[in-house]
PDB file of N, CA and C in Angstrom:
ATOM      1  N   MET A   1     -15.427  21.444  -7.098  1.00  0.00           N
ATOM      2  CA  MET A   1     -16.394  21.456  -8.164  1.00  0.00           C
ATOM      3  C   MET A   1     -16.415  22.833  -8.766  1.00  0.00           C
ATOM      4  N   TYR A   2     -15.748  22.988  -9.821  1.00  0.00           N
ATOM      5  CA  TYR A   2     -15.553  24.321 -10.393  1.00  0.00           C
ATOM      6  C   TYR A   2     -16.875  24.907 -10.892  1.00  0.00           C
ATOM      7  N   SER A   3     -17.681  24.119 -11.580  1.00  0.00           N
ATOM      8  CA  SER A   3     -18.933  24.665 -12.128  1.00  0.00           C
ATOM      9  C   SER A   3     -19.912  25.053 -11.016  1.00  0.00           C
ATOM     10  N   ASP A   4     -19.813  24.402  -9.850  1.00  0.00           N
ATOM     11  CA  ASP A   4     -20.687  24.693  -8.694  1.00  0.00           C
ATOM     12  C   ASP A   4     -20.100  25.833  -7.841  1.00  0.00           C
ATOM     13  N   GLN A   5     -18.939  26.323  -8.169  1.00  0.00           N
ATOM     14  CA  GLN A   5     -18.214  27.264  -7.353  1.00  0.00           C
ATOM     15  C   GLN A   5     -18.145  26.846  -5.925  1.00  0.00           C
ATOM     16  N   THR A   6     -17.649  25.639  -5.738  1.00  0.00           N
ATOM     17  CA  THR A   6     -17.540  25.023  -4.406  1.00  0.00           C
ATOM     18  C   THR A   6     -16.166  24.404  -4.260  1.00  0.00           C
ATOM     19  N   ALA A   7     -15.497  24.716  -3.103  1.00  0.00           N
ATOM     20  CA  ALA A   7     -14.255  24.061  -2.750  1.00  0.00           C
ATOM     21  C   ALA A   7     -14.557  23.102  -1.621  1.00  0.00           C
ATOM     22  N   VAL A   8     -14.190  21.856  -1.747  1.00  0.00           N
ATOM     23  CA  VAL A   8     -14.449  20.816  -0.701  1.00  0.00           C
ATOM     24  C   VAL A   8     -13.156  20.479  -0.002  1.00  0.00           C
ATOM     25  N   LEU A   9     -13.149  20.611   1.300  1.00  0.00           N
ATOM     26  CA  LEU A   9     -11.961  20.274   2.113  1.00  0.00           C
ATOM     27  C   LEU A   9     -12.330  19.110   2.996  1.00  0.00           C
ATOM     28  N   GLY A  10     -11.598  17.995   2.760  1.00  0.00           N
ATOM     29  CA  GLY A  10     -11.909  16.774   3.513  1.00  0.00           C
ATOM     30  C   GLY A  10     -10.637  16.006   3.845  1.00  0.00           C
ATOM     31  N   PRO A  11     -10.768  14.719   4.116  1.00  0.00           N
ATOM     32  CA  PRO A  11      -9.624  13.898   4.470  1.00  0.00           C
ATOM     33  C   PRO A  11      -8.640  13.735   3.277  1.00  0.00           C
ATOM     34  N   LEU A  12      -7.483  13.229   3.562  1.00  0.00           N
ATOM     35  CA  LEU A  12      -6.507  13.015   2.504  1.00  0.00           C
ATOM     36  C   LEU A  12      -7.030  12.078   1.470  1.00  0.00           C
ATOM     37  N   ALA A  13      -6.624  12.232   0.247  1.00  0.00           N
ATOM     38  CA  ALA A  13      -7.080  11.433  -0.846  1.00  0.00           C
ATOM     39  C   ALA A  13      -6.432  10.037  -0.774  1.00  0.00           C
ATOM     40  N   ILE A  14      -7.179   9.047  -1.213  1.00  0.00           N
ATOM     41  CA  ILE A  14      -6.657   7.686  -1.253  1.00  0.00           C
ATOM     42  C   ILE A  14      -5.931   7.430  -2.577  1.00  0.00           C
ATOM     43  N   TYR A  15      -6.362   8.108  -3.608  1.00  0.00           N
ATOM     44  CA  TYR A  15      -5.696   7.969  -4.927  1.00  0.00           C
ATOM     45  C   TYR A  15      -5.624   9.347  -5.580  1.00  0.00           C
ATOM     46  N   ALA A  16      -4.727   9.442  -6.564  1.00  0.00           N
ATOM     47  CA  ALA A  16      -4.571  10.747  -7.250  1.00  0.00           C
ATOM     48  C   ALA A  16      -5.750  11.044  -8.133  1.00  0.00           C
ATOM     49  N   GLU A  17      -6.166  12.266  -8.049  1.00  0.00           N
ATOM     50  CA  GLU A  17      -7.320  12.720  -8.800  1.00  0.00           C
ATOM     51  C   GLU A  17      -7.047  14.134  -9.310  1.00  0.00           C
ATOM     52  N   PRO A  18      -7.328  14.409 -10.569  1.00  0.00           N
ATOM     53  CA  PRO A  18      -6.996  15.728 -11.121  1.00  0.00           C
ATOM     54  C   PRO A  18      -7.720  16.848 -10.334  1.00  0.00           C
ATOM     55  N   HIS A  19      -7.089  17.951 -10.140  1.00  0.00           N
ATOM     56  CA  HIS A  19      -7.648  19.102  -9.469  1.00  0.00           C
ATOM     57  C   HIS A  19      -7.919  18.858  -7.987  1.00  0.00           C
ATOM     58  N   SER A  20      -7.228  17.859  -7.384  1.00  0.00           N
ATOM     59  CA  SER A  20      -7.365  17.632  -5.964  1.00  0.00           C
ATOM     60  C   SER A  20      -5.933  17.729  -5.356  1.00  0.00           C
ATOM     61  N   TYR A  21      -5.864  18.317  -4.173  1.00  0.00           N
ATOM     62  CA  TYR A  21      -4.576  18.487  -3.547  1.00  0.00           C
ATOM     63  C   TYR A  21      -4.659  18.152  -2.086  1.00  0.00           C
ATOM     64  N   ASP A  22      -3.649  17.547  -1.551  1.00  0.00           N
ATOM     65  CA  ASP A  22      -3.570  17.241  -0.118  1.00  0.00           C
ATOM     66  C   ASP A  22      -2.876  18.415   0.551  1.00  0.00           C
ATOM     67  N   LEU A  23      -3.465  18.904   1.677  1.00  0.00           N
ATOM     68  CA  LEU A  23      -2.950  20.022   2.393  1.00  0.00           C
ATOM     69  C   LEU A  23      -2.622  19.563   3.842  1.00  0.00           C
ATOM     70  N   CYS A  24      -1.579  20.161   4.378  1.00  0.00           N
ATOM     71  CA  CYS A  24      -1.279  19.904   5.784  1.00  0.00           C
ATOM     72  C   CYS A  24      -2.329  20.629   6.657  1.00  0.00           C
ATOM     73  N   GLU A  25      -2.323  20.333   7.944  1.00  0.00           N
ATOM     74  CA  GLU A  25      -3.324  20.909   8.835  1.00  0.00           C
ATOM     75  C   GLU A  25      -3.191  22.447   8.890  1.00  0.00           C
ATOM     76  N   TYR A  26      -1.977  22.938   8.909  1.00  0.00           N
ATOM     77  CA  TYR A  26      -1.755  24.382   8.928  1.00  0.00           C
ATOM     78  C   TYR A  26      -2.428  25.085   7.749  1.00  0.00           C
ATOM     79  N   HIS A  27      -2.163  24.585   6.547  1.00  0.00           N
ATOM     80  CA  HIS A  27      -2.712  25.221   5.377  1.00  0.00           C
ATOM     81  C   HIS A  27      -4.189  24.940   5.160  1.00  0.00           C
ATOM     82  N   SER A  28      -4.645  23.804   5.591  1.00  0.00           N
ATOM     83  CA  SER A  28      -6.093  23.508   5.448  1.00  0.00           C
ATOM     84  C   SER A  28      -6.950  24.423   6.268  1.00  0.00           C
ATOM     85  N   GLU A  29      -6.436  24.817   7.460  1.00  0.00           N
ATOM     86  CA  GLU A  29      -7.197  25.752   8.318  1.00  0.00           C
ATOM     87  C   GLU A  29      -7.255  27.162   7.731  1.00  0.00           C
ATOM     88  N   ARG A  30      -6.271  27.468   6.894  1.00  0.00           N
ATOM     89  CA  ARG A  30      -6.213  28.834   6.329  1.00  0.00           C
ATOM     90  C   ARG A  30      -6.703  28.898   4.864  1.00  0.00           C
ATOM     91  N   LEU A  31      -7.305  27.816   4.386  1.00  0.00           N
ATOM     92  CA  LEU A  31      -7.766  27.804   3.010  1.00  0.00           C
ATOM     93  C   LEU A  31      -8.816  28.843   2.763  1.00  0.00           C
ATOM     94  N   SER A  32      -8.683  29.532   1.684  1.00  0.00           N
ATOM     95  CA  SER A  32      -9.729  30.476   1.274  1.00  0.00           C
ATOM     96  C   SER A  32     -10.066  30.191  -0.178  1.00  0.00           C
ATOM     97  N   ALA A  33     -11.281  30.577  -0.567  1.00  0.00           N
ATOM     98  CA  ALA A  33     -11.775  30.371  -1.917  1.00  0.00           C
ATOM     99  C   ALA A  33     -12.057  31.749  -2.535  1.00  0.00           C
ATOM    100  N   PRO A  34     -12.161  31.784  -3.845  1.00  0.00           N
ATOM    101  CA  PRO A  34     -12.496  33.024  -4.503  1.00  0.00           C
ATOM    102  C   PRO A  34     -13.849  33.577  -3.958  1.00  0.00           C
ATOM    103  N   ARG A  35     -14.025  34.931  -4.079  1.00  0.00           N
ATOM    104  CA  ARG A  35     -15.246  35.588  -3.653  1.00  0.00           C
ATOM    105  C   ARG A  35     -16.435  34.932  -4.362  1.00  0.00           C
ATOM    106  N   GLY A  36     -17.484  34.641  -3.621  1.00  0.00           N
ATOM    107  CA  GLY A  36     -18.690  34.028  -4.185  1.00  0.00           C
ATOM    108  C   GLY A  36     -18.685  32.525  -4.184  1.00  0.00           C
ATOM    109  N   TRP A  37     -17.576  31.906  -3.835  1.00  0.00           N
ATOM    110  CA  TRP A  37     -17.484  30.486  -3.761  1.00  0.00           C
ATOM    111  C   TRP A  37     -17.858  29.991  -2.370  1.00  0.00           C
ATOM    112  N   ASN A  38     -18.381  28.774  -2.319  1.00  0.00           N
ATOM    113  CA  ASN A  38     -18.649  28.082  -1.002  1.00  0.00           C
ATOM    114  C   ASN A  38     -17.457  27.173  -0.621  1.00  0.00           C
ATOM    115  N   VAL A  39     -17.173  27.054   0.668  1.00  0.00           N
ATOM    116  CA  VAL A  39     -16.169  26.138   1.118  1.00  0.00           C
ATOM    117  C   VAL A  39     -16.862  25.111   2.028  1.00  0.00           C
ATOM    118  N   LEU A  40     -16.831  23.835   1.631  1.00  0.00           N
ATOM    119  CA  LEU A  40     -17.392  22.750   2.433  1.00  0.00           C
ATOM    120  C   LEU A  40     -16.245  22.120   3.156  1.00  0.00           C
ATOM    121  N   ARG A  41     -16.308  22.073   4.496  1.00  0.00           N
ATOM    122  CA  ARG A  41     -15.281  21.439   5.311  1.00  0.00           C
ATOM    123  C   ARG A  41     -15.859  20.166   5.855  1.00  0.00           C
ATOM    124  N   LEU A  42     -15.399  19.056   5.391  1.00  0.00           N
ATOM    125  CA  LEU A  42     -15.849  17.758   5.846  1.00  0.00           C
ATOM    126  C   LEU A  42     -15.048  17.329   7.061  1.00  0.00           C
ATOM    127  N   ALA A  43     -15.757  16.997   8.157  1.00  0.00           N
ATOM    128  CA  ALA A  43     -15.051  16.610   9.346  1.00  0.00           C
ATOM    129  C   ALA A  43     -14.456  15.221   9.156  1.00  0.00           C
ATOM    130  N   PRO A  44     -13.193  14.999   9.533  1.00  0.00           N
ATOM    131  CA  PRO A  44     -12.564  13.702   9.393  1.00  0.00           C
ATOM    132  C   PRO A  44     -13.240  12.704  10.326  1.00  0.00           C
ATOM    133  N   ASP A  45     -13.332  11.467   9.845  1.00  0.00           N
ATOM    134  CA  ASP A  45     -13.909  10.354  10.592  1.00  0.00           C
ATOM    135  C   ASP A  45     -12.845   9.863  11.599  1.00  0.00           C
ATOM    136  N   PRO A  46     -13.057   9.958  12.914  1.00  0.00           N
ATOM    137  CA  PRO A  46     -12.034   9.537  13.842  1.00  0.00           C
ATOM    138  C   PRO A  46     -11.712   8.065  13.790  1.00  0.00           C
ATOM    139  N   ASP A  47     -12.661   7.254  13.309  1.00  0.00           N
ATOM    140  CA  ASP A  47     -12.367   5.820  13.196  1.00  0.00           C
ATOM    141  C   ASP A  47     -11.711   5.421  11.886  1.00  0.00           C
ATOM    142  N   ALA A  48     -11.556   6.362  10.953  1.00  0.00           N
ATOM    143  CA  ALA A  48     -10.970   6.068   9.660  1.00  0.00           C
ATOM    144  C   ALA A  48      -9.518   5.630   9.754  1.00  0.00           C
ATOM    145  N   GLY A  49      -8.788   6.151  10.745  1.00  0.00           N
ATOM    146  CA  GLY A  49      -7.362   5.812  10.869  1.00  0.00           C
ATOM    147  C   GLY A  49      -7.164   4.519  11.602  1.00  0.00           C
ATOM    148  N   GLN A  50      -8.189   3.927  12.173  1.00  0.00           N
ATOM    149  CA  GLN A  50      -8.049   2.699  12.896  1.00  0.00           C
ATOM    150  C   GLN A  50      -8.097   1.489  11.951  1.00  0.00           C
ATOM    151  N   PRO A  51      -7.321   0.435  12.235  1.00  0.00           N
ATOM    152  CA  PRO A  51      -7.375  -0.715  11.362  1.00  0.00           C
ATOM    153  C   PRO A  51      -8.739  -1.478  11.526  1.00  0.00           C
ATOM    154  N   THR A  52      -9.177  -2.010  10.445  1.00  0.00           N
ATOM    155  CA  THR A  52     -10.440  -2.730  10.461  1.00  0.00           C
ATOM    156  C   THR A  52     -10.114  -4.216  10.710  1.00  0.00           C
ATOM    157  N   GLN A  53     -11.186  -5.011  10.873  1.00  0.00           N
ATOM    158  CA  GLN A  53     -10.965  -6.464  11.045  1.00  0.00           C
ATOM    159  C   GLN A  53     -10.317  -7.048   9.813  1.00  0.00           C
ATOM    160  N   ASP A  54     -10.713  -6.560   8.621  1.00  0.00           N
ATOM    161  CA  ASP A  54     -10.084  -7.062   7.376  1.00  0.00           C
ATOM    162  C   ASP A  54      -8.631  -6.732   7.313  1.00  0.00           C
ATOM    163  N   ASP A  55      -8.268  -5.516   7.761  1.00  0.00           N
ATOM    164  CA  ASP A  55      -6.804  -5.133   7.763  1.00  0.00           C
ATOM    165  C   ASP A  55      -6.032  -6.051   8.679  1.00  0.00           C
ATOM    166  N   LEU A  56      -6.538  -6.323   9.844  1.00  0.00           N
ATOM    167  CA  LEU A  56      -5.844  -7.205  10.793  1.00  0.00           C
ATOM    168  C   LEU A  56      -5.719  -8.599  10.270  1.00  0.00           C
ATOM    169  N   GLU A  57      -6.768  -9.095   9.647  1.00  0.00           N
ATOM    170  CA  GLU A  57      -6.727 -10.450   9.084  1.00  0.00           C
ATOM    171  C   GLU A  57      -5.732 -10.549   7.912  1.00  0.00           C
ATOM    172  N   ALA A  58      -5.723  -9.526   7.073  1.00  0.00           N
ATOM    173  CA  ALA A  58      -4.707  -9.489   5.986  1.00  0.00           C
ATOM    174  C   ALA A  58      -3.295  -9.475   6.513  1.00  0.00           C
ATOM    175  N   LEU A  59      -3.052  -8.725   7.562  1.00  0.00           N
ATOM    176  CA  LEU A  59      -1.738  -8.677   8.171  1.00  0.00           C
ATOM    177  C   LEU A  59      -1.313 -10.015   8.750  1.00  0.00           C
ATOM    178  N   ALA A  60      -2.263 -10.630   9.489  1.00  0.00           N
ATOM    179  CA  ALA A  60      -2.007 -11.931  10.045  1.00  0.00           C
ATOM    180  C   ALA A  60      -1.676 -12.993   8.929  1.00  0.00           C
ATOM    181  N   ASN A  61      -2.412 -12.948   7.862  1.00  0.00           N
ATOM    182  CA  ASN A  61      -2.169 -13.872   6.699  1.00  0.00           C
ATOM    183  C   ASN A  61      -0.782 -13.612   6.070  1.00  0.00           C
ATOM    184  N   ALA A  62      -0.416 -12.361   5.949  1.00  0.00           N
ATOM    185  CA  ALA A  62       0.900 -12.024   5.378  1.00  0.00           C
ATOM    186  C   ALA A  62       2.002 -12.528   6.293  1.00  0.00           C
ATOM    187  N   VAL A  63       1.855 -12.382   7.586  1.00  0.00           N
ATOM    188  CA  VAL A  63       2.856 -12.848   8.538  1.00  0.00           C
ATOM    189  C   VAL A  63       2.988 -14.361   8.450  1.00  0.00           C
ATOM    190  N   ARG A  64       1.865 -15.059   8.383  1.00  0.00           N
ATOM    191  CA  ARG A  64       1.875 -16.544   8.255  1.00  0.00           C
ATOM    192  C   ARG A  64       2.574 -16.963   7.003  1.00  0.00           C
ATOM    193  N   GLU A  65       2.290 -16.258   5.888  1.00  0.00           N
ATOM    194  CA  GLU A  65       2.860 -16.636   4.592  1.00  0.00           C
ATOM    195  C   GLU A  65       4.407 -16.441   4.651  1.00  0.00           C
ATOM    196  N   ALA A  66       4.793 -15.330   5.268  1.00  0.00           N
ATOM    197  CA  ALA A  66       6.246 -15.017   5.367  1.00  0.00           C
ATOM    198  C   ALA A  66       6.974 -16.036   6.197  1.00  0.00           C
ATOM    199  N   ALA A  67       6.307 -16.568   7.236  1.00  0.00           N
ATOM    200  CA  ALA A  67       6.911 -17.502   8.141  1.00  0.00           C
ATOM    201  C   ALA A  67       6.963 -18.929   7.600  1.00  0.00           C
ATOM    202  N   ARG A  68       6.164 -19.182   6.580  1.00  0.00           N
ATOM    203  CA  ARG A  68       6.110 -20.550   6.024  1.00  0.00           C
ATOM    204  C   ARG A  68       7.464 -20.824   5.347  1.00  0.00           C
ATOM    205  N   PRO A  69       8.001 -22.058   5.587  1.00  0.00           N
ATOM    206  CA  PRO A  69       9.283 -22.342   4.918  1.00  0.00           C
ATOM    207  C   PRO A  69       9.110 -22.399   3.377  1.00  0.00           C
ATOM    208  N   ALA A  70      10.105 -21.884   2.737  1.00  0.00           N
ATOM    209  CA  ALA A  70      10.033 -21.842   1.268  1.00  0.00           C
ATOM    210  C   ALA A  70      10.234 -23.245   0.719  1.00  0.00           C
ATOM    211  N   GLU A  71       9.448 -23.592  -0.266  1.00  0.00           N
ATOM    212  CA  GLU A  71       9.632 -24.883  -0.885  1.00  0.00           C
ATOM    213  C   GLU A  71      10.722 -24.742  -1.961  1.00  0.00           C
ATOM    214  N   LYS A  72      11.696 -25.648  -1.929  1.00  0.00           N
ATOM    215  CA  LYS A  72      12.815 -25.581  -2.875  1.00  0.00           C
ATOM    216  C   LYS A  72      12.490 -26.496  -4.046  1.00  0.00           C
ATOM    217  N   PRO A  73      12.237 -25.951  -5.168  1.00  0.00           N
ATOM    218  CA  PRO A  73      11.939 -26.812  -6.318  1.00  0.00           C
ATOM    219  C   PRO A  73      13.201 -27.513  -6.783  1.00  0.00           C
ATOM    220  N   GLU A  74      13.027 -28.781  -7.139  1.00  0.00           N
ATOM    221  CA  GLU A  74      14.148 -29.549  -7.664  1.00  0.00           C
ATOM    222  C   GLU A  74      14.535 -29.034  -9.042  1.00  0.00           C
ATOM    223  N   PRO A  75      15.761 -28.926  -9.318  1.00  0.00           N
ATOM    224  CA  PRO A  75      16.142 -28.523 -10.683  1.00  0.00           C
ATOM    225  C   PRO A  75      15.802 -29.577 -11.726  1.00  0.00           C
ATOM    226  N   GLU A  76      15.506 -29.058 -12.934  1.00  0.00           N
ATOM    227  CA  GLU A  76      15.175 -30.000 -13.974  1.00  0.00           C
ATOM    228  C   GLU A  76      16.372 -30.878 -14.327  1.00  0.00           C
ATOM    229  N   GLY A  77      16.163 -32.100 -14.689  1.00  0.00           N
ATOM    230  CA  GLY A  77      17.260 -32.970 -15.055  1.00  0.00           C
ATOM    231  C   GLY A  77      17.750 -33.799 -13.823  1.00  0.00           C
ATOM    232  N   GLY A  78      17.130 -33.559 -12.652  1.00  0.00           N
ATOM    233  CA  GLY A  78      17.476 -34.374 -11.477  1.00  0.00           C
ATOM    234  C   GLY A  78      18.889 -34.099 -11.012  1.00  0.00           C
ATOM    235  N   GLY A  79      19.336 -32.859 -10.921  1.00  0.00           N
ATOM    236  CA  GLY A  79      20.684 -32.531 -10.464  1.00  0.00           C
ATOM    237  C   GLY A  79      20.848 -32.930  -8.980  1.00  0.00           C
ATOM    238  N   VAL A  80      22.141 -33.214  -8.642  1.00  0.00           N
ATOM    239  CA  VAL A  80      22.447 -33.530  -7.232  1.00  0.00           C
ATOM    240  C   VAL A  80      23.329 -32.399  -6.696  1.00  0.00           C
ATOM    241  N   GLU A  81      22.976 -31.959  -5.490  1.00  0.00           N
ATOM    242  CA  GLU A  81      23.744 -30.904  -4.854  1.00  0.00           C
ATOM    243  C   GLU A  81      25.061 -31.468  -4.433  1.00  0.00           C
ATOM    244  N   THR A  82      26.171 -30.795  -4.811  1.00  0.00           N
ATOM    245  CA  THR A  82      27.499 -31.182  -4.456  1.00  0.00           C
ATOM    246  C   THR A  82      28.215 -30.210  -3.553  1.00  0.00           C
ATOM    247  N   GLY A  83      27.676 -29.017  -3.439  1.00  0.00           N
ATOM    248  CA  GLY A  83      28.294 -28.006  -2.613  1.00  0.00           C
ATOM    249  C   GLY A  83      27.357 -26.809  -2.460  1.00  0.00           C
ATOM    250  N   ARG A  84      27.782 -25.892  -1.571  1.00  0.00           N
ATOM    251  CA  ARG A  84      26.973 -24.731  -1.312  1.00  0.00           C
ATOM    252  C   ARG A  84      27.880 -23.607  -0.913  1.00  0.00           C
ATOM    253  N   ARG A  85      27.622 -22.373  -1.410  1.00  0.00           N
ATOM    254  CA  ARG A  85      28.340 -21.201  -1.001  1.00  0.00           C
ATOM    255  C   ARG A  85      27.297 -20.130  -0.793  1.00  0.00           C
ATOM    256  N   GLY A  86      27.045 -19.827   0.464  1.00  0.00           N
ATOM    257  CA  GLY A  86      26.003 -18.805   0.806  1.00  0.00           C
ATOM    258  C   GLY A  86      24.664 -19.379   0.358  1.00  0.00           C
ATOM    259  N   HIS A  87      23.935 -18.599  -0.454  1.00  0.00           N
ATOM    260  CA  HIS A  87      22.609 -19.047  -0.924  1.00  0.00           C
ATOM    261  C   HIS A  87      22.710 -19.759  -2.246  1.00  0.00           C
ATOM    262  N   LEU A  88      23.877 -19.917  -2.822  1.00  0.00           N
ATOM    263  CA  LEU A  88      24.080 -20.590  -4.100  1.00  0.00           C
ATOM    264  C   LEU A  88      24.401 -22.050  -3.927  1.00  0.00           C
ATOM    265  N   ARG A  89      23.850 -22.901  -4.769  1.00  0.00           N
ATOM    266  CA  ARG A  89      24.101 -24.373  -4.720  1.00  0.00           C
ATOM    267  C   ARG A  89      24.892 -24.776  -5.936  1.00  0.00           C
ATOM    268  N   VAL A  90      25.785 -25.728  -5.746  1.00  0.00           N
ATOM    269  CA  VAL A  90      26.541 -26.299  -6.862  1.00  0.00           C
ATOM    270  C   VAL A  90      25.856 -27.650  -7.178  1.00  0.00           C
ATOM    271  N   LEU A  91      25.441 -27.826  -8.435  1.00  0.00           N
ATOM    272  CA  LEU A  91      24.713 -29.036  -8.817  1.00  0.00           C
ATOM    273  C   LEU A  91      25.530 -29.821  -9.827  1.00  0.00           C
ATOM    274  N   ARG A  92      25.371 -31.155  -9.729  1.00  0.00           N
ATOM    275  CA  ARG A  92      25.944 -32.038 -10.677  1.00  0.00           C
ATOM    276  C   ARG A  92      24.813 -32.776 -11.339  1.00  0.00           C
ATOM    277  N   SER A  93      24.858 -32.895 -12.621  1.00  0.00           N
ATOM    278  CA  SER A  93      23.740 -33.523 -13.358  1.00  0.00           C
ATOM    279  C   SER A  93      23.748 -34.991 -13.138  1.00  0.00           C
ATOM    280  N   ASN A  94      22.578 -35.620 -13.037  1.00  0.00           N
ATOM    281  CA  ASN A  94      22.456 -37.052 -12.864  1.00  0.00           C
ATOM    282  C   ASN A  94      22.425 -37.775 -14.218  1.00  0.00           C
ATOM    283  N   GLU A  95      22.250 -36.971 -15.299  1.00  0.00           N
ATOM    284  CA  GLU A  95      22.126 -37.580 -16.610  1.00  0.00           C
ATOM    285  C   GLU A  95      23.473 -38.156 -17.051  1.00  0.00           C
ATOM    286  N   PRO A  96      23.469 -39.327 -17.744  1.00  0.00           N
ATOM    287  CA  PRO A  96      24.764 -39.929 -18.172  1.00  0.00           C
ATOM    288  C   PRO A  96      25.387 -39.154 -19.296  1.00  0.00           C
TER     289      PRO A  96
END
């Protein structure tokens, strides 16, 4: 906060914000501010790095979705599969 002459040092940012910088532990311990400025050092929350119940539930849902067999939509025109090469299918049209 430039107008307050305060430098705030806290946990890593979640999103990009102008005039904010992420520092490694080495440099954050050695941070200094201009003469007359205050430095606020916010203690990191030890539980912040732990997954929450919502995180675990979202992960479980993603795994279930990935394991679900993919539905193969039928091609328009009612094509009939006549061959396959790898993931590609050869179709013959049913239309006269």
